[in-house]
Amino acid sequence: MKGAKIIVIDDENIVGKMIKATFEKDGYHVETFLSAPPALARMKEEPFDVIITDLKMKGIDGMEVLRTVKKESPDTKVIMITAFASMDAAVEAVRGKVDDFFPKPFKIKDLKACIERLLGG
């Protein structure tokens, strides 16, 4: 699904930059945010196909992003990434209907394969 729209929310700027550079080369439209509030506001303006969100962030964390996205845009896929991967966090994310969960550091090729699978491409 080239041309699909992706939002990346991660308080580490390098993560968003890496994902944006990689996926835009493949024809995706990627917008990056360092915190959740502006990303959630952007989602209200137009639909996105995939949200990639960090779990641990100041203010609104990844679990809150997941709940909000699934409530307001149930067809949007949510991928959670975290440097704090614990079984409890994974279980909570799965209960929240996360579409996939990646501990950091992750391989970009694995993230690509996941997005292609989620988008049916």
PDB file of N, CA and C in Angstrom:
ATOM      1  N   MET A   1       0.825  -1.191   0.000  1.00  0.00           N
ATOM      2  CA  MET A   1       0.000   0.000   0.000  1.00  0.00           C
ATOM      3  C   MET A   1       0.862   1.245   0.000  1.00  0.00           C
ATOM      4  N   LYS A   2       1.578   1.434  -1.061  1.00  0.00           N
ATOM      5  CA  LYS A   2       2.393   2.636  -1.166  1.00  0.00           C
ATOM      6  C   LYS A   2       1.455   3.840  -1.168  1.00  0.00           C
ATOM      7  N   GLY A   3       1.924   4.938  -0.601  1.00  0.00           N
ATOM      8  CA  GLY A   3       1.087   6.116  -0.482  1.00  0.00           C
ATOM      9  C   GLY A   3       0.296   6.135   0.810  1.00  0.00           C
ATOM     10  N   ALA A   4       0.374   5.050   1.583  1.00  0.00           N
ATOM     11  CA  ALA A   4      -0.317   5.004   2.869  1.00  0.00           C
ATOM     12  C   ALA A   4       0.252   6.090   3.776  1.00  0.00           C
ATOM     13  N   LYS A   5      -0.595   6.580   4.682  1.00  0.00           N
ATOM     14  CA  LYS A   5      -0.192   7.669   5.569  1.00  0.00           C
ATOM     15  C   LYS A   5       0.113   7.133   6.965  1.00  0.00           C
ATOM     16  N   ILE A   6       1.290   7.533   7.467  1.00  0.00           N
ATOM     17  CA  ILE A   6       1.793   7.041   8.751  1.00  0.00           C
ATOM     18  C   ILE A   6       2.120   8.227   9.646  1.00  0.00           C
ATOM     19  N   ILE A   7       1.735   8.119  10.923  1.00  0.00           N
ATOM     20  CA  ILE A   7       2.169   9.076  11.946  1.00  0.00           C
ATOM     21  C   ILE A   7       3.135   8.335  12.872  1.00  0.00           C
ATOM     22  N   VAL A   8       4.257   8.975  13.191  1.00  0.00           N
ATOM     23  CA  VAL A   8       5.208   8.436  14.164  1.00  0.00           C
ATOM     24  C   VAL A   8       5.233   9.384  15.354  1.00  0.00           C
ATOM     25  N   ILE A   9       4.989   8.838  16.556  1.00  0.00           N
ATOM     26  CA  ILE A   9       5.057   9.640  17.780  1.00  0.00           C
ATOM     27  C   ILE A   9       6.148   9.040  18.662  1.00  0.00           C
ATOM     28  N   ASP A  10       7.234   9.764  18.831  1.00  0.00           N
ATOM     29  CA  ASP A  10       8.331   9.287  19.680  1.00  0.00           C
ATOM     30  C   ASP A  10       9.090  10.498  20.195  1.00  0.00           C
ATOM     31  N   ASP A  11       9.349  10.534  21.496  1.00  0.00           N
ATOM     32  CA  ASP A  11      10.055  11.685  22.071  1.00  0.00           C
ATOM     33  C   ASP A  11      11.547  11.677  21.754  1.00  0.00           C
ATOM     34  N   GLU A  12      12.020  10.635  21.095  1.00  0.00           N
ATOM     35  CA  GLU A  12      13.401  10.611  20.590  1.00  0.00           C
ATOM     36  C   GLU A  12      13.344  10.985  19.114  1.00  0.00           C
ATOM     37  N   ASN A  13      13.819  12.176  18.790  1.00  0.00           N
ATOM     38  CA  ASN A  13      13.744  12.700  17.431  1.00  0.00           C
ATOM     39  C   ASN A  13      14.361  11.755  16.404  1.00  0.00           C
ATOM     40  N   ILE A  14      15.448  11.089  16.764  1.00  0.00           N
ATOM     41  CA  ILE A  14      16.155  10.215  15.827  1.00  0.00           C
ATOM     42  C   ILE A  14      15.269   9.061  15.346  1.00  0.00           C
ATOM     43  N   VAL A  15      14.392   8.571  16.208  1.00  0.00           N
ATOM     44  CA  VAL A  15      13.513   7.453  15.827  1.00  0.00           C
ATOM     45  C   VAL A  15      12.561   7.889  14.715  1.00  0.00           C
ATOM     46  N   GLY A  16      11.906   9.035  14.917  1.00  0.00           N
ATOM     47  CA  GLY A  16      10.998   9.552  13.890  1.00  0.00           C
ATOM     48  C   GLY A  16      11.709   9.840  12.587  1.00  0.00           C
ATOM     49  N   LYS A  17      12.901  10.433  12.671  1.00  0.00           N
ATOM     50  CA  LYS A  17      13.668  10.755  11.464  1.00  0.00           C
ATOM     51  C   LYS A  17      14.041   9.496  10.688  1.00  0.00           C
ATOM     52  N   MET A  18      14.463   8.450  11.412  1.00  0.00           N
ATOM     53  CA  MET A  18      14.869   7.206  10.752  1.00  0.00           C
ATOM     54  C   MET A  18      13.672   6.558  10.053  1.00  0.00           C
ATOM     55  N   ILE A  19      12.547   6.479  10.749  1.00  0.00           N
ATOM     56  CA  ILE A  19      11.361   5.848  10.163  1.00  0.00           C
ATOM     57  C   ILE A  19      10.876   6.669   8.963  1.00  0.00           C
ATOM     58  N   LYS A  20      10.842   7.990   9.112  1.00  0.00           N
ATOM     59  CA  LYS A  20      10.389   8.868   8.023  1.00  0.00           C
ATOM     60  C   LYS A  20      11.265   8.691   6.780  1.00  0.00           C
ATOM     61  N   ALA A  21      12.576   8.754   6.958  1.00  0.00           N
ATOM     62  CA  ALA A  21      13.494   8.636   5.816  1.00  0.00           C
ATOM     63  C   ALA A  21      13.325   7.287   5.112  1.00  0.00           C
ATOM     64  N   THR A  22      13.228   6.236   5.884  1.00  0.00           N
ATOM     65  CA  THR A  22      13.112   4.891   5.308  1.00  0.00           C
ATOM     66  C   THR A  22      11.803   4.701   4.556  1.00  0.00           C
ATOM     67  N   PHE A  23      10.700   5.070   5.184  1.00  0.00           N
ATOM     68  CA  PHE A  23       9.398   4.795   4.588  1.00  0.00           C
ATOM     69  C   PHE A  23       9.043   5.748   3.458  1.00  0.00           C
ATOM     70  N   GLU A  24       9.522   6.988   3.517  1.00  0.00           N
ATOM     71  CA  GLU A  24       9.233   7.900   2.412  1.00  0.00           C
ATOM     72  C   GLU A  24       9.937   7.460   1.138  1.00  0.00           C
ATOM     73  N   LYS A  25      11.101   6.809   1.267  1.00  0.00           N
ATOM     74  CA  LYS A  25      11.789   6.255   0.095  1.00  0.00           C
ATOM     75  C   LYS A  25      10.929   5.199  -0.579  1.00  0.00           C
ATOM     76  N   ASP A  26      10.092   4.527   0.207  1.00  0.00           N
ATOM     77  CA  ASP A  26       9.219   3.472  -0.313  1.00  0.00           C
ATOM     78  C   ASP A  26       7.849   3.999  -0.739  1.00  0.00           C
ATOM     79  N   GLY A  27       7.675   5.312  -0.718  1.00  0.00           N
ATOM     80  CA  GLY A  27       6.432   5.884  -1.224  1.00  0.00           C
ATOM     81  C   GLY A  27       5.341   6.136  -0.198  1.00  0.00           C
ATOM     82  N   TYR A  28       5.654   5.970   1.078  1.00  0.00           N
ATOM     83  CA  TYR A  28       4.680   6.277   2.127  1.00  0.00           C
ATOM     84  C   TYR A  28       4.727   7.764   2.454  1.00  0.00           C
ATOM     85  N   HIS A  29       3.639   8.290   2.991  1.00  0.00           N
ATOM     86  CA  HIS A  29       3.597   9.666   3.505  1.00  0.00           C
ATOM     87  C   HIS A  29       3.752   9.559   5.016  1.00  0.00           C
ATOM     88  N   VAL A  30       4.804  10.168   5.582  1.00  0.00           N
ATOM     89  CA  VAL A  30       5.095  10.020   7.013  1.00  0.00           C
ATOM     90  C   VAL A  30       5.176  11.391   7.678  1.00  0.00           C
ATOM     91  N   GLU A  31       4.464  11.535   8.800  1.00  0.00           N
ATOM     92  CA  GLU A  31       4.564  12.737   9.618  1.00  0.00           C
ATOM     93  C   GLU A  31       5.059  12.312  10.995  1.00  0.00           C
ATOM     94  N   THR A  32       5.980  13.098  11.559  1.00  0.00           N
ATOM     95  CA  THR A  32       6.563  12.741  12.863  1.00  0.00           C
ATOM     96  C   THR A  32       6.213  13.789  13.911  1.00  0.00           C
ATOM     97  N   PHE A  33       6.056  13.307  15.142  1.00  0.00           N
ATOM     98  CA  PHE A  33       5.721  14.168  16.268  1.00  0.00           C
ATOM     99  C   PHE A  33       6.531  13.717  17.478  1.00  0.00           C
ATOM    100  N   LEU A  34       6.946  14.693  18.315  1.00  0.00           N
ATOM    101  CA  LEU A  34       7.733  14.380  19.507  1.00  0.00           C
ATOM    102  C   LEU A  34       6.842  14.130  20.728  1.00  0.00           C
ATOM    103  N   SER A  35       5.545  14.416  20.602  1.00  0.00           N
ATOM    104  CA  SER A  35       4.601  14.156  21.693  1.00  0.00           C
ATOM    105  C   SER A  35       3.230  13.861  21.093  1.00  0.00           C
ATOM    106  N   ALA A  36       2.359  13.296  21.909  1.00  0.00           N
ATOM    107  CA  ALA A  36       1.070  12.822  21.424  1.00  0.00           C
ATOM    108  C   ALA A  36       0.047  13.923  21.102  1.00  0.00           C
ATOM    109  N   PRO A  37      -0.092  14.990  21.900  1.00  0.00           N
ATOM    110  CA  PRO A  37      -1.185  15.940  21.629  1.00  0.00           C
ATOM    111  C   PRO A  37      -1.239  16.491  20.196  1.00  0.00           C
ATOM    112  N   PRO A  38      -0.111  16.973  19.625  1.00  0.00           N
ATOM    113  CA  PRO A  38      -0.222  17.478  18.250  1.00  0.00           C
ATOM    114  C   PRO A  38      -0.512  16.356  17.235  1.00  0.00           C
ATOM    115  N   ALA A  39      -0.042  15.152  17.505  1.00  0.00           N
ATOM    116  CA  ALA A  39      -0.312  14.025  16.605  1.00  0.00           C
ATOM    117  C   ALA A  39      -1.796  13.667  16.619  1.00  0.00           C
ATOM    118  N   LEU A  40      -2.379  13.636  17.809  1.00  0.00           N
ATOM    119  CA  LEU A  40      -3.812  13.316  17.922  1.00  0.00           C
ATOM    120  C   LEU A  40      -4.654  14.429  17.282  1.00  0.00           C
ATOM    121  N   ALA A  41      -4.215  15.673  17.417  1.00  0.00           N
ATOM    122  CA  ALA A  41      -4.918  16.781  16.761  1.00  0.00           C
ATOM    123  C   ALA A  41      -4.839  16.630  15.242  1.00  0.00           C
ATOM    124  N   ARG A  42      -3.679  16.237  14.743  1.00  0.00           N
ATOM    125  CA  ARG A  42      -3.492  16.042  13.293  1.00  0.00           C
ATOM    126  C   ARG A  42      -4.404  14.932  12.773  1.00  0.00           C
ATOM    127  N   MET A  43      -4.567  13.879  13.563  1.00  0.00           N
ATOM    128  CA  MET A  43      -5.443  12.770  13.158  1.00  0.00           C
ATOM    129  C   MET A  43      -6.890  13.207  13.005  1.00  0.00           C
ATOM    130  N   LYS A  44      -7.295  14.223  13.759  1.00  0.00           N
ATOM    131  CA  LYS A  44      -8.671  14.725  13.648  1.00  0.00           C
ATOM    132  C   LYS A  44      -8.873  15.462  12.320  1.00  0.00           C
ATOM    133  N   GLU A  45      -7.774  15.977  11.736  1.00  0.00           N
ATOM    134  CA  GLU A  45      -7.857  16.725  10.483  1.00  0.00           C
ATOM    135  C   GLU A  45      -8.025  15.803   9.280  1.00  0.00           C
ATOM    136  N   GLU A  46      -7.356  14.666   9.299  1.00  0.00           N
ATOM    137  CA  GLU A  46      -7.487  13.704   8.203  1.00  0.00           C
ATOM    138  C   GLU A  46      -7.092  12.319   8.692  1.00  0.00           C
ATOM    139  N   PRO A  47      -7.617  11.290   8.041  1.00  0.00           N
ATOM    140  CA  PRO A  47      -7.318   9.928   8.502  1.00  0.00           C
ATOM    141  C   PRO A  47      -5.898   9.488   8.142  1.00  0.00           C
ATOM    142  N   PHE A  48      -5.339   8.661   9.011  1.00  0.00           N
ATOM    143  CA  PHE A  48      -4.034   8.048   8.768  1.00  0.00           C
ATOM    144  C   PHE A  48      -4.220   6.541   8.810  1.00  0.00           C
ATOM    145  N   ASP A  49      -3.378   5.821   8.091  1.00  0.00           N
ATOM    146  CA  ASP A  49      -3.495   4.364   8.011  1.00  0.00           C
ATOM    147  C   ASP A  49      -2.825   3.665   9.183  1.00  0.00           C
ATOM    148  N   VAL A  50      -1.687   4.222   9.619  1.00  0.00           N
ATOM    149  CA  VAL A  50      -0.893   3.579  10.677  1.00  0.00           C
ATOM    150  C   VAL A  50      -0.380   4.643  11.641  1.00  0.00           C
ATOM    151  N   ILE A  51      -0.446   4.334  12.936  1.00  0.00           N
ATOM    152  CA  ILE A  51       0.176   5.163  13.965  1.00  0.00           C
ATOM    153  C   ILE A  51       1.259   4.310  14.618  1.00  0.00           C
ATOM    154  N   ILE A  52       2.481   4.817  14.627  1.00  0.00           N
ATOM    155  CA  ILE A  52       3.582   4.154  15.337  1.00  0.00           C
ATOM    156  C   ILE A  52       3.861   5.038  16.546  1.00  0.00           C
ATOM    157  N   THR A  53       3.660   4.497  17.741  1.00  0.00           N
ATOM    158  CA  THR A  53       3.828   5.317  18.939  1.00  0.00           C
ATOM    159  C   THR A  53       4.756   4.676  19.954  1.00  0.00           C
ATOM    160  N   ASP A  54       5.558   5.515  20.573  1.00  0.00           N
ATOM    161  CA  ASP A  54       6.382   5.083  21.691  1.00  0.00           C
ATOM    162  C   ASP A  54       5.449   4.814  22.866  1.00  0.00           C
ATOM    163  N   LEU A  55       5.831   3.920  23.742  1.00  0.00           N
ATOM    164  CA  LEU A  55       5.016   3.611  24.916  1.00  0.00           C
ATOM    165  C   LEU A  55       5.193   4.672  25.996  1.00  0.00           C
ATOM    166  N   LYS A  56       6.438   4.939  26.379  1.00  0.00           N
ATOM    167  CA  LYS A  56       6.731   5.848  27.498  1.00  0.00           C
ATOM    168  C   LYS A  56       7.043   7.246  26.981  1.00  0.00           C
ATOM    169  N   MET A  57       6.114   8.178  27.238  1.00  0.00           N
ATOM    170  CA  MET A  57       6.324   9.578  26.879  1.00  0.00           C
ATOM    171  C   MET A  57       5.727  10.434  27.988  1.00  0.00           C
ATOM    172  N   LYS A  58       6.240  11.650  28.135  1.00  0.00           N
ATOM    173  CA  LYS A  58       5.671  12.578  29.125  1.00  0.00           C
ATOM    174  C   LYS A  58       4.260  12.958  28.686  1.00  0.00           C
ATOM    175  N   GLY A  59       3.401  13.207  29.651  1.00  0.00           N
ATOM    176  CA  GLY A  59       2.032  13.615  29.323  1.00  0.00           C
ATOM    177  C   GLY A  59       1.223  12.414  28.860  1.00  0.00           C
ATOM    178  N   ILE A  60       0.775  12.462  27.621  1.00  0.00           N
ATOM    179  CA  ILE A  60      -0.017  11.361  27.055  1.00  0.00           C
ATOM    180  C   ILE A  60       0.941  10.262  26.605  1.00  0.00           C
ATOM    181  N   ASP A  61       0.804   9.072  27.188  1.00  0.00           N
ATOM    182  CA  ASP A  61       1.706   7.970  26.814  1.00  0.00           C
ATOM    183  C   ASP A  61       1.099   7.132  25.690  1.00  0.00           C
ATOM    184  N   GLY A  62       1.852   6.119  25.275  1.00  0.00           N
ATOM    185  CA  GLY A  62       1.432   5.276  24.162  1.00  0.00           C
ATOM    186  C   GLY A  62       0.129   4.537  24.406  1.00  0.00           C
ATOM    187  N   MET A  63      -0.140   4.127  25.647  1.00  0.00           N
ATOM    188  CA  MET A  63      -1.391   3.427  25.942  1.00  0.00           C
ATOM    189  C   MET A  63      -2.586   4.353  25.738  1.00  0.00           C
ATOM    190  N   GLU A  64      -2.429   5.607  26.134  1.00  0.00           N
ATOM    191  CA  GLU A  64      -3.514   6.582  25.937  1.00  0.00           C
ATOM    192  C   GLU A  64      -3.698   6.864  24.445  1.00  0.00           C
ATOM    193  N   VAL A  65      -2.591   6.947  23.699  1.00  0.00           N
ATOM    194  CA  VAL A  65      -2.678   7.114  22.245  1.00  0.00           C
ATOM    195  C   VAL A  65      -3.460   5.934  21.656  1.00  0.00           C
ATOM    196  N   LEU A  66      -3.105   4.726  22.066  1.00  0.00           N
ATOM    197  CA  LEU A  66      -3.771   3.521  21.579  1.00  0.00           C
ATOM    198  C   LEU A  66      -5.282   3.583  21.844  1.00  0.00           C
ATOM    199  N   ARG A  67      -5.661   3.897  23.078  1.00  0.00           N
ATOM    200  CA  ARG A  67      -7.094   3.967  23.433  1.00  0.00           C
ATOM    201  C   ARG A  67      -7.819   5.016  22.593  1.00  0.00           C
ATOM    202  N   THR A  68      -7.190   6.187  22.448  1.00  0.00           N
ATOM    203  CA  THR A  68      -7.812   7.280  21.685  1.00  0.00           C
ATOM    204  C   THR A  68      -7.986   6.902  20.220  1.00  0.00           C
ATOM    205  N   VAL A  69      -6.940   6.360  19.617  1.00  0.00           N
ATOM    206  CA  VAL A  69      -7.002   6.004  18.198  1.00  0.00           C
ATOM    207  C   VAL A  69      -8.051   4.920  17.965  1.00  0.00           C
ATOM    208  N   LYS A  70      -8.064   3.896  18.798  1.00  0.00           N
ATOM    209  CA  LYS A  70      -9.012   2.792  18.601  1.00  0.00           C
ATOM    210  C   LYS A  70     -10.459   3.246  18.813  1.00  0.00           C
ATOM    211  N   LYS A  71     -10.651   4.262  19.654  1.00  0.00           N
ATOM    212  CA  LYS A  71     -11.999   4.785  19.886  1.00  0.00           C
ATOM    213  C   LYS A  71     -12.437   5.691  18.729  1.00  0.00           C
ATOM    214  N   GLU A  72     -11.546   6.567  18.280  1.00  0.00           N
ATOM    215  CA  GLU A  72     -11.914   7.573  17.290  1.00  0.00           C
ATOM    216  C   GLU A  72     -11.720   7.125  15.849  1.00  0.00           C
ATOM    217  N   SER A  73     -10.841   6.171  15.626  1.00  0.00           N
ATOM    218  CA  SER A  73     -10.541   5.705  14.265  1.00  0.00           C
ATOM    219  C   SER A  73     -10.209   4.213  14.302  1.00  0.00           C
ATOM    220  N   PRO A  74     -11.226   3.367  14.531  1.00  0.00           N
ATOM    221  CA  PRO A  74     -10.989   1.938  14.772  1.00  0.00           C
ATOM    222  C   PRO A  74     -10.237   1.203  13.657  1.00  0.00           C
ATOM    223  N   ASP A  75     -10.294   1.705  12.423  1.00  0.00           N
ATOM    224  CA  ASP A  75      -9.606   1.024  11.321  1.00  0.00           C
ATOM    225  C   ASP A  75      -8.126   1.368  11.236  1.00  0.00           C
ATOM    226  N   THR A  76      -7.701   2.411  11.951  1.00  0.00           N
ATOM    227  CA  THR A  76      -6.289   2.801  11.946  1.00  0.00           C
ATOM    228  C   THR A  76      -5.474   1.766  12.716  1.00  0.00           C
ATOM    229  N   LYS A  77      -4.387   1.315  12.125  1.00  0.00           N
ATOM    230  CA  LYS A  77      -3.504   0.334  12.762  1.00  0.00           C
ATOM    231  C   LYS A  77      -2.567   1.057  13.725  1.00  0.00           C
ATOM    232  N   VAL A  78      -2.330   0.439  14.875  1.00  0.00           N
ATOM    233  CA  VAL A  78      -1.430   1.039  15.873  1.00  0.00           C
ATOM    234  C   VAL A  78      -0.299   0.062  16.183  1.00  0.00           C
ATOM    235  N   ILE A  79       0.926   0.552  16.029  1.00  0.00           N
ATOM    236  CA  ILE A  79       2.124  -0.216  16.362  1.00  0.00           C
ATOM    237  C   ILE A  79       2.797   0.494  17.526  1.00  0.00           C
ATOM    238  N   MET A  80       3.079  -0.243  18.579  1.00  0.00           N
ATOM    239  CA  MET A  80       3.732   0.336  19.747  1.00  0.00           C
ATOM    240  C   MET A  80       5.211  -0.059  19.734  1.00  0.00           C
ATOM    241  N   ILE A  81       6.073   0.918  20.018  1.00  0.00           N
ATOM    242  CA  ILE A  81       7.506   0.653  20.139  1.00  0.00           C
ATOM    243  C   ILE A  81       7.945   1.129  21.515  1.00  0.00           C
ATOM    244  N   THR A  82       8.874   0.418  22.131  1.00  0.00           N
ATOM    245  CA  THR A  82       9.305   0.830  23.460  1.00  0.00           C
ATOM    246  C   THR A  82      10.671   0.274  23.826  1.00  0.00           C
ATOM    247  N   ALA A  83      11.404   1.082  24.562  1.00  0.00           N
ATOM    248  CA  ALA A  83      12.671   0.622  25.132  1.00  0.00           C
ATOM    249  C   ALA A  83      12.408  -0.074  26.464  1.00  0.00           C
ATOM    250  N   PHE A  84      11.181   0.025  26.951  1.00  0.00           N
ATOM    251  CA  PHE A  84      10.805  -0.553  28.248  1.00  0.00           C
ATOM    252  C   PHE A  84       9.856  -1.727  28.041  1.00  0.00           C
ATOM    253  N   ALA A  85      10.256  -2.664  27.206  1.00  0.00           N
ATOM    254  CA  ALA A  85       9.383  -3.798  26.893  1.00  0.00           C
ATOM    255  C   ALA A  85       9.321  -4.741  28.082  1.00  0.00           C
ATOM    256  N   SER A  86       8.149  -4.845  28.649  1.00  0.00           N
ATOM    257  CA  SER A  86       7.934  -5.815  29.720  1.00  0.00           C
ATOM    258  C   SER A  86       6.719  -6.646  29.332  1.00  0.00           C
ATOM    259  N   MET A  87       6.582  -7.787  29.973  1.00  0.00           N
ATOM    260  CA  MET A  87       5.424  -8.623  29.688  1.00  0.00           C
ATOM    261  C   MET A  87       4.145  -7.866  30.048  1.00  0.00           C
ATOM    262  N   ASP A  88       4.150  -7.133  31.153  1.00  0.00           N
ATOM    263  CA  ASP A  88       2.961  -6.379  31.563  1.00  0.00           C
ATOM    264  C   ASP A  88       2.566  -5.345  30.502  1.00  0.00           C
ATOM    265  N   ALA A  89       3.555  -4.635  29.977  1.00  0.00           N
ATOM    266  CA  ALA A  89       3.268  -3.623  28.956  1.00  0.00           C
ATOM    267  C   ALA A  89       2.714  -4.281  27.696  1.00  0.00           C
ATOM    268  N   ALA A  90       3.291  -5.391  27.294  1.00  0.00           N
ATOM    269  CA  ALA A  90       2.815  -6.095  26.103  1.00  0.00           C
ATOM    270  C   ALA A  90       1.387  -6.585  26.292  1.00  0.00           C
ATOM    271  N   VAL A  91       1.099  -7.152  27.466  1.00  0.00           N
ATOM    272  CA  VAL A  91      -0.255  -7.652  27.748  1.00  0.00           C
ATOM    273  C   VAL A  91      -1.256  -6.495  27.734  1.00  0.00           C
ATOM    274  N   GLU A  92      -0.901  -5.372  28.366  1.00  0.00           N
ATOM    275  CA  GLU A  92      -1.805  -4.221  28.389  1.00  0.00           C
ATOM    276  C   GLU A  92      -2.054  -3.705  26.966  1.00  0.00           C
ATOM    277  N   ALA A  93      -1.006  -3.663  26.148  1.00  0.00           N
ATOM    278  CA  ALA A  93      -1.149  -3.203  24.765  1.00  0.00           C
ATOM    279  C   ALA A  93      -2.057  -4.144  23.968  1.00  0.00           C
ATOM    280  N   VAL A  94      -1.869  -5.444  24.161  1.00  0.00           N
ATOM    281  CA  VAL A  94      -2.704  -6.419  23.446  1.00  0.00           C
ATOM    282  C   VAL A  94      -4.161  -6.275  23.875  1.00  0.00           C
ATOM    283  N   ARG A  95      -4.386  -6.089  25.150  1.00  0.00           N
ATOM    284  CA  ARG A  95      -5.763  -5.886  25.643  1.00  0.00           C
ATOM    285  C   ARG A  95      -6.376  -4.627  25.034  1.00  0.00           C
ATOM    286  N   GLY A  96      -5.527  -3.639  24.772  1.00  0.00           N
ATOM    287  CA  GLY A  96      -5.995  -2.398  24.157  1.00  0.00           C
ATOM    288  C   GLY A  96      -6.141  -2.504  22.652  1.00  0.00           C
ATOM    289  N   LYS A  97      -5.925  -3.689  22.127  1.00  0.00           N
ATOM    290  CA  LYS A  97      -6.072  -3.981  20.697  1.00  0.00           C
ATOM    291  C   LYS A  97      -4.960  -3.377  19.832  1.00  0.00           C
ATOM    292  N   VAL A  98      -3.744  -3.336  20.375  1.00  0.00           N
ATOM    293  CA  VAL A  98      -2.604  -2.892  19.576  1.00  0.00           C
ATOM    294  C   VAL A  98      -2.428  -3.888  18.427  1.00  0.00           C
ATOM    295  N   ASP A  99      -1.985  -3.391  17.272  1.00  0.00           N
ATOM    296  CA  ASP A  99      -1.820  -4.266  16.117  1.00  0.00           C
ATOM    297  C   ASP A  99      -0.464  -4.953  16.089  1.00  0.00           C
ATOM    298  N   ASP A 100       0.546  -4.326  16.699  1.00  0.00           N
ATOM    299  CA  ASP A 100       1.843  -4.988  16.863  1.00  0.00           C
ATOM    300  C   ASP A 100       2.646  -4.235  17.908  1.00  0.00           C
ATOM    301  N   PHE A 101       3.704  -4.881  18.392  1.00  0.00           N
ATOM    302  CA  PHE A 101       4.472  -4.365  19.529  1.00  0.00           C
ATOM    303  C   PHE A 101       5.939  -4.677  19.268  1.00  0.00           C
ATOM    304  N   PHE A 102       6.795  -3.645  19.252  1.00  0.00           N
ATOM    305  CA  PHE A 102       8.224  -3.840  18.979  1.00  0.00           C
ATOM    306  C   PHE A 102       9.066  -3.293  20.128  1.00  0.00           C
ATOM    307  N   PRO A 103       9.911  -4.137  20.734  1.00  0.00           N
ATOM    308  CA  PRO A 103      10.881  -3.600  21.704  1.00  0.00           C
ATOM    309  C   PRO A 103      12.006  -2.890  20.942  1.00  0.00           C
ATOM    310  N   LYS A 104      12.510  -1.790  21.518  1.00  0.00           N
ATOM    311  CA  LYS A 104      13.670  -1.100  20.932  1.00  0.00           C
ATOM    312  C   LYS A 104      14.929  -1.778  21.460  1.00  0.00           C
ATOM    313  N   PRO A 105      15.980  -1.866  20.690  1.00  0.00           N
ATOM    314  CA  PRO A 105      16.035  -1.459  19.293  1.00  0.00           C
ATOM    315  C   PRO A 105      15.358  -2.507  18.413  1.00  0.00           C
ATOM    316  N   PHE A 106      14.745  -2.058  17.339  1.00  0.00           N
ATOM    317  CA  PHE A 106      14.089  -2.983  16.420  1.00  0.00           C
ATOM    318  C   PHE A 106      14.743  -2.842  15.053  1.00  0.00           C
ATOM    319  N   LYS A 107      14.548  -3.840  14.216  1.00  0.00           N
ATOM    320  CA  LYS A 107      15.084  -3.801  12.857  1.00  0.00           C
ATOM    321  C   LYS A 107      14.047  -3.129  11.965  1.00  0.00           C
ATOM    322  N   ILE A 108      14.487  -2.146  11.189  1.00  0.00           N
ATOM    323  CA  ILE A 108      13.567  -1.403  10.329  1.00  0.00           C
ATOM    324  C   ILE A 108      12.906  -2.338   9.316  1.00  0.00           C
ATOM    325  N   LYS A 109      13.624  -3.382   8.883  1.00  0.00           N
ATOM    326  CA  LYS A 109      13.024  -4.327   7.930  1.00  0.00           C
ATOM    327  C   LYS A 109      11.862  -5.083   8.571  1.00  0.00           C
ATOM    328  N   ASP A 110      11.943  -5.337   9.871  1.00  0.00           N
ATOM    329  CA  ASP A 110      10.836  -6.000  10.571  1.00  0.00           C
ATOM    330  C   ASP A 110       9.628  -5.067  10.659  1.00  0.00           C
ATOM    331  N   LEU A 111       9.877  -3.788  10.913  1.00  0.00           N
ATOM    332  CA  LEU A 111       8.794  -2.809  10.968  1.00  0.00           C
ATOM    333  C   LEU A 111       8.138  -2.671   9.595  1.00  0.00           C
ATOM    334  N   LYS A 112       8.965  -2.654   8.544  1.00  0.00           N
ATOM    335  CA  LYS A 112       8.445  -2.576   7.168  1.00  0.00           C
ATOM    336  C   LYS A 112       7.545  -3.764   6.864  1.00  0.00           C
ATOM    337  N   ALA A 113       8.018  -4.964   7.199  1.00  0.00           N
ATOM    338  CA  ALA A 113       7.237  -6.173   6.940  1.00  0.00           C
ATOM    339  C   ALA A 113       5.915  -6.125   7.710  1.00  0.00           C
ATOM    340  N   CYS A 114       5.950  -5.634   8.926  1.00  0.00           N
ATOM    341  CA  CYS A 114       4.748  -5.517   9.749  1.00  0.00           C
ATOM    342  C   CYS A 114       3.739  -4.565   9.093  1.00  0.00           C
ATOM    343  N   ILE A 115       4.187  -3.405   8.671  1.00  0.00           N
ATOM    344  CA  ILE A 115       3.283  -2.428   8.058  1.00  0.00           C
ATOM    345  C   ILE A 115       2.703  -2.969   6.772  1.00  0.00           C
ATOM    346  N   GLU A 116       3.519  -3.613   5.960  1.00  0.00           N
ATOM    347  CA  GLU A 116       3.010  -4.198   4.718  1.00  0.00           C
ATOM    348  C   GLU A 116       1.939  -5.251   5.021  1.00  0.00           C
ATOM    349  N   ARG A 117       2.167  -6.044   6.052  1.00  0.00           N
ATOM    350  CA  ARG A 117       1.190  -7.073   6.443  1.00  0.00           C
ATOM    351  C   ARG A 117      -0.098  -6.423   6.939  1.00  0.00           C
ATOM    352  N   LEU A 118       0.024  -5.416   7.787  1.00  0.00           N
ATOM    353  CA  LEU A 118      -1.157  -4.753   8.353  1.00  0.00           C
ATOM    354  C   LEU A 118      -1.985  -4.047   7.279  1.00  0.00           C
ATOM    355  N   LEU A 119      -1.321  -3.528   6.259  1.00  0.00           N
ATOM    356  CA  LEU A 119      -2.020  -2.792   5.207  1.00  0.00           C
ATOM    357  C   LEU A 119      -2.425  -3.697   4.042  1.00  0.00           C
ATOM    358  N   GLY A 120      -2.115  -4.974   4.183  1.00  0.00           N
ATOM    359  CA  GLY A 120      -2.515  -5.911   3.130  1.00  0.00           C
ATOM    360  C   GLY A 120      -1.698  -5.798   1.861  1.00  0.00           C
ATOM    361  N   GLY A 121      -0.468  -5.265   2.002  1.00  0.00           N
ATOM    362  CA  GLY A 121       0.378  -5.082   0.825  1.00  0.00           C
ATOM    363  C   GLY A 121       1.425  -6.085   0.839  1.00  0.00           C
TER     364      GLY A 121
END
